[in-house]
Each structure stands twice: as C-alpha cells, then as structure tokens.
Amino acid sequence: MTIDKSLKIKAGGIKQRNVLTRGERLERLAATDRWKEGDSVLGIPKVRVQKLALKKKKKVKEAETEDGDTAEAAPADKPET
C-alpha cells in the first residue's frame, strides 16, 4: 500500500542517514588511508557517521586585542597619554 501524495512530507528524504553505502564507506576509508585500491571490499571496517548539530553563534560583546586583554573604548574628549 502506498501513501497518498497529500500526506507525504516534502523534507522526508533529507533527514540524517545512519548507514552509508559501500561506495561512501570506501571513499571515507580511502581518505583516512584505512583502505587502498585493490583491497578486498569484503570485511571492510565500520565507518562512524558524524551527525551535525548546528548551534547559534553568540555575538561577541568585547573585542580582544593582540595581547589578549579586552579593548575598552577611550573617551573622545580626553587624549591618550
């Protein structure tokens, strides 16, 4: 039995997958030098799938100087000595 088109969610195919295809696993293993061309594809090691969690960026209230100290705004009417 199929689901009616009006009940389908448009973003249903975008969710995070738990399992990689063999080709994707081989690409990741080759990138980390754990699998080389010509090795057997049977018995390849597991590859962990990293889930991305996006966090909101916090606004920086004070700018830091090169010394690591916080920079404070100098009054405009007083010259620096």
N, C-alpha and C. Protein backbone atom coordinates (compact mmCIF):
# COMPACT_ATOMS: atom_id res chain seq x y z
N MET A 1 0.83 -1.16 0.00
CA MET A 1 0.00 0.00 0.00
C MET A 1 0.90 1.24 0.00
N THR A 2 0.52 2.24 -0.76
CA THR A 2 1.32 3.46 -0.85
C THR A 2 0.65 4.59 -0.10
N ILE A 3 1.44 5.62 0.18
CA ILE A 3 0.93 6.80 0.88
C ILE A 3 0.41 7.80 -0.15
N ASP A 4 -0.71 8.41 0.16
CA ASP A 4 -1.28 9.41 -0.73
C ASP A 4 -0.32 10.60 -0.83
N LYS A 5 -0.28 11.23 -2.00
CA LYS A 5 0.63 12.36 -2.24
C LYS A 5 0.38 13.52 -1.28
N SER A 6 -0.84 13.73 -0.86
CA SER A 6 -1.14 14.84 0.03
C SER A 6 -0.62 14.61 1.44
N LEU A 7 -0.31 13.35 1.80
CA LEU A 7 0.16 13.03 3.13
C LEU A 7 1.67 12.96 3.24
N LYS A 8 2.37 13.00 2.12
CA LYS A 8 3.83 12.91 2.14
C LYS A 8 4.44 14.22 2.62
N ILE A 9 5.56 14.10 3.31
CA ILE A 9 6.30 15.26 3.77
C ILE A 9 7.39 15.56 2.74
N LYS A 10 7.50 16.81 2.34
CA LYS A 10 8.46 17.18 1.30
C LYS A 10 9.90 16.99 1.75
N ALA A 11 10.19 17.23 3.01
CA ALA A 11 11.56 17.12 3.52
C ALA A 11 11.84 15.73 4.07
N GLY A 12 11.07 14.74 3.71
CA GLY A 12 11.22 13.41 4.26
C GLY A 12 12.52 12.72 3.86
N GLY A 13 13.05 13.01 2.69
CA GLY A 13 14.27 12.36 2.23
C GLY A 13 15.54 13.09 2.62
N ILE A 14 15.44 14.16 3.38
CA ILE A 14 16.60 14.98 3.70
C ILE A 14 17.20 14.62 5.05
N LYS A 15 16.51 13.84 5.86
CA LYS A 15 16.98 13.55 7.21
C LYS A 15 18.31 12.79 7.22
N GLN A 16 18.97 12.78 8.35
CA GLN A 16 20.28 12.14 8.53
C GLN A 16 20.16 10.63 8.41
N ARG A 17 21.03 10.02 7.60
CA ARG A 17 21.03 8.57 7.46
C ARG A 17 21.98 7.96 8.46
N ASN A 18 21.67 6.76 8.93
CA ASN A 18 22.52 6.06 9.89
C ASN A 18 23.52 5.13 9.20
N VAL A 19 23.24 4.74 7.97
CA VAL A 19 24.07 3.76 7.28
C VAL A 19 24.58 4.35 5.98
N LEU A 20 25.87 4.15 5.70
CA LEU A 20 26.46 4.61 4.44
C LEU A 20 26.46 3.47 3.44
N THR A 21 26.44 3.79 2.16
CA THR A 21 26.56 2.77 1.14
C THR A 21 28.01 2.30 1.08
N ARG A 22 28.26 1.19 0.43
CA ARG A 22 29.61 0.65 0.36
C ARG A 22 30.55 1.64 -0.31
N GLY A 23 30.09 2.30 -1.36
CA GLY A 23 30.92 3.29 -2.04
C GLY A 23 31.30 4.45 -1.15
N GLU A 24 30.34 4.94 -0.37
CA GLU A 24 30.62 6.04 0.56
C GLU A 24 31.60 5.60 1.65
N ARG A 25 31.44 4.36 2.14
CA ARG A 25 32.36 3.84 3.15
C ARG A 25 33.77 3.74 2.59
N LEU A 26 33.90 3.25 1.36
CA LEU A 26 35.22 3.12 0.75
C LEU A 26 35.87 4.48 0.53
N GLU A 27 35.08 5.50 0.16
CA GLU A 27 35.63 6.85 -0.02
C GLU A 27 36.19 7.39 1.29
N ARG A 28 35.44 7.21 2.38
CA ARG A 28 35.91 7.71 3.68
C ARG A 28 37.11 6.93 4.18
N LEU A 29 37.13 5.62 3.97
CA LEU A 29 38.27 4.82 4.39
C LEU A 29 39.51 5.16 3.58
N ALA A 30 39.34 5.41 2.28
CA ALA A 30 40.47 5.78 1.43
C ALA A 30 41.02 7.15 1.84
N ALA A 31 40.15 8.05 2.26
CA ALA A 31 40.60 9.38 2.67
C ALA A 31 41.44 9.31 3.94
N THR A 32 41.17 8.35 4.81
CA THR A 32 41.95 8.20 6.05
C THR A 32 43.02 7.12 5.93
N ASP A 33 43.29 6.65 4.74
CA ASP A 33 44.31 5.63 4.45
C ASP A 33 44.07 4.32 5.19
N ARG A 34 42.82 3.97 5.40
CA ARG A 34 42.49 2.69 6.03
C ARG A 34 42.11 1.64 4.98
N TRP A 35 41.94 2.05 3.72
CA TRP A 35 41.63 1.14 2.61
C TRP A 35 42.34 1.64 1.39
N LYS A 36 42.95 0.74 0.64
CA LYS A 36 43.67 1.10 -0.58
C LYS A 36 43.04 0.40 -1.76
N GLU A 37 43.24 0.97 -2.93
CA GLU A 37 42.72 0.39 -4.17
C GLU A 37 43.28 -1.01 -4.35
N GLY A 38 42.41 -1.96 -4.61
CA GLY A 38 42.84 -3.33 -4.79
C GLY A 38 42.58 -4.21 -3.57
N ASP A 39 42.32 -3.60 -2.41
CA ASP A 39 41.98 -4.37 -1.22
C ASP A 39 40.58 -4.96 -1.39
N SER A 40 40.30 -6.01 -0.64
CA SER A 40 39.00 -6.65 -0.71
C SER A 40 37.93 -5.74 -0.12
N VAL A 41 36.76 -5.73 -0.75
CA VAL A 41 35.65 -4.94 -0.23
C VAL A 41 34.85 -5.74 0.79
N LEU A 42 35.19 -6.99 0.97
CA LEU A 42 34.52 -7.82 1.96
C LEU A 42 35.22 -7.65 3.30
N GLY A 43 34.45 -7.48 4.34
CA GLY A 43 35.03 -7.33 5.67
C GLY A 43 35.65 -5.98 5.92
N ILE A 44 35.20 -4.94 5.25
CA ILE A 44 35.76 -3.61 5.48
C ILE A 44 35.31 -3.10 6.86
N PRO A 45 36.13 -2.28 7.53
CA PRO A 45 35.77 -1.81 8.86
C PRO A 45 34.58 -0.85 8.83
N LYS A 46 33.97 -0.71 10.00
CA LYS A 46 32.83 0.19 10.12
C LYS A 46 33.31 1.64 10.06
N VAL A 47 32.43 2.51 9.59
CA VAL A 47 32.72 3.94 9.50
C VAL A 47 31.65 4.66 10.28
N ARG A 48 32.07 5.48 11.21
CA ARG A 48 31.14 6.22 12.03
C ARG A 48 30.53 7.38 11.24
N VAL A 49 29.24 7.56 11.36
CA VAL A 49 28.55 8.66 10.70
C VAL A 49 28.46 9.81 11.68
N GLN A 50 29.04 10.94 11.32
CA GLN A 50 29.05 12.12 12.17
C GLN A 50 27.74 12.88 11.96
N LYS A 51 27.00 13.08 13.02
CA LYS A 51 25.78 13.87 12.95
C LYS A 51 26.14 15.32 13.22
N LEU A 52 25.63 16.20 12.39
CA LEU A 52 25.92 17.62 12.53
C LEU A 52 24.85 18.28 13.38
N ALA A 53 25.28 18.98 14.37
CA ALA A 53 24.38 19.76 15.21
C ALA A 53 24.77 21.23 15.06
N LEU A 54 23.90 21.99 14.45
CA LEU A 54 24.18 23.40 14.23
C LEU A 54 23.79 24.19 15.46
N LYS A 55 24.71 25.02 15.92
CA LYS A 55 24.46 25.86 17.07
C LYS A 55 24.42 27.31 16.62
N LYS A 56 23.65 28.09 17.33
CA LYS A 56 23.58 29.51 17.01
C LYS A 56 24.86 30.19 17.49
N LYS A 57 25.35 31.12 16.69
CA LYS A 57 26.56 31.84 17.04
C LYS A 57 26.23 32.94 18.04
N LYS A 58 27.06 33.07 19.06
CA LYS A 58 26.87 34.12 20.05
C LYS A 58 27.59 35.38 19.57
N LYS A 59 26.99 36.51 19.83
CA LYS A 59 27.60 37.78 19.44
C LYS A 59 28.72 38.12 20.41
N VAL A 60 29.81 38.61 19.88
CA VAL A 60 30.95 38.99 20.71
C VAL A 60 30.70 40.41 21.22
N LYS A 61 30.69 40.57 22.55
CA LYS A 61 30.42 41.88 23.13
C LYS A 61 31.66 42.75 23.17
N GLU A 62 32.80 42.15 23.47
CA GLU A 62 34.03 42.92 23.58
C GLU A 62 35.07 42.37 22.61
N ALA A 63 35.75 43.27 21.96
CA ALA A 63 36.80 42.85 21.03
C ALA A 63 38.09 42.63 21.81
N GLU A 64 38.83 41.61 21.43
CA GLU A 64 40.10 41.33 22.11
C GLU A 64 41.26 41.91 21.32
N THR A 65 42.23 42.42 22.03
CA THR A 65 43.42 42.96 21.38
C THR A 65 44.43 41.85 21.18
N GLU A 66 45.56 42.18 20.60
CA GLU A 66 46.58 41.16 20.34
C GLU A 66 47.17 40.61 21.63
N ASP A 67 47.19 41.41 22.71
CA ASP A 67 47.74 40.96 23.98
C ASP A 67 46.81 40.00 24.70
N GLY A 68 45.57 39.91 24.26
CA GLY A 68 44.61 39.06 24.92
C GLY A 68 43.74 39.81 25.90
N ASP A 69 44.05 41.08 26.15
CA ASP A 69 43.24 41.90 27.04
C ASP A 69 42.04 42.42 26.26
N THR A 70 41.00 42.76 27.00
CA THR A 70 39.83 43.30 26.32
C THR A 70 40.06 44.77 26.03
N ALA A 71 39.64 45.21 24.88
CA ALA A 71 39.80 46.61 24.47
C ALA A 71 38.63 47.41 25.00
N GLU A 72 38.93 48.54 25.61
CA GLU A 72 37.90 49.42 26.12
C GLU A 72 37.89 50.69 25.29
N ALA A 73 36.71 51.20 25.09
CA ALA A 73 36.58 52.42 24.29
C ALA A 73 37.08 53.60 25.10
N ALA A 74 37.98 54.40 24.52
CA ALA A 74 38.53 55.58 25.19
C ALA A 74 37.58 56.75 24.96
N PRO A 75 37.42 57.60 25.96
CA PRO A 75 36.55 58.79 25.76
C PRO A 75 37.12 59.67 24.67
N ALA A 76 36.24 60.27 23.88
CA ALA A 76 36.66 61.08 22.74
C ALA A 76 37.25 62.42 23.17
N ASP A 77 36.82 62.98 24.32
CA ASP A 77 37.29 64.31 24.71
C ASP A 77 38.64 64.28 25.43
N LYS A 78 39.09 63.12 25.91
CA LYS A 78 40.38 63.04 26.60
C LYS A 78 41.42 62.39 25.69
N PRO A 79 42.56 63.04 25.48
CA PRO A 79 43.61 62.40 24.67
C PRO A 79 44.32 61.32 25.48
N GLU A 80 44.80 60.32 24.79
CA GLU A 80 45.54 59.24 25.46
C GLU A 80 46.94 59.72 25.80
N THR A 81 47.45 59.34 26.97
CA THR A 81 48.79 59.75 27.38
C THR A 81 49.71 58.58 27.41
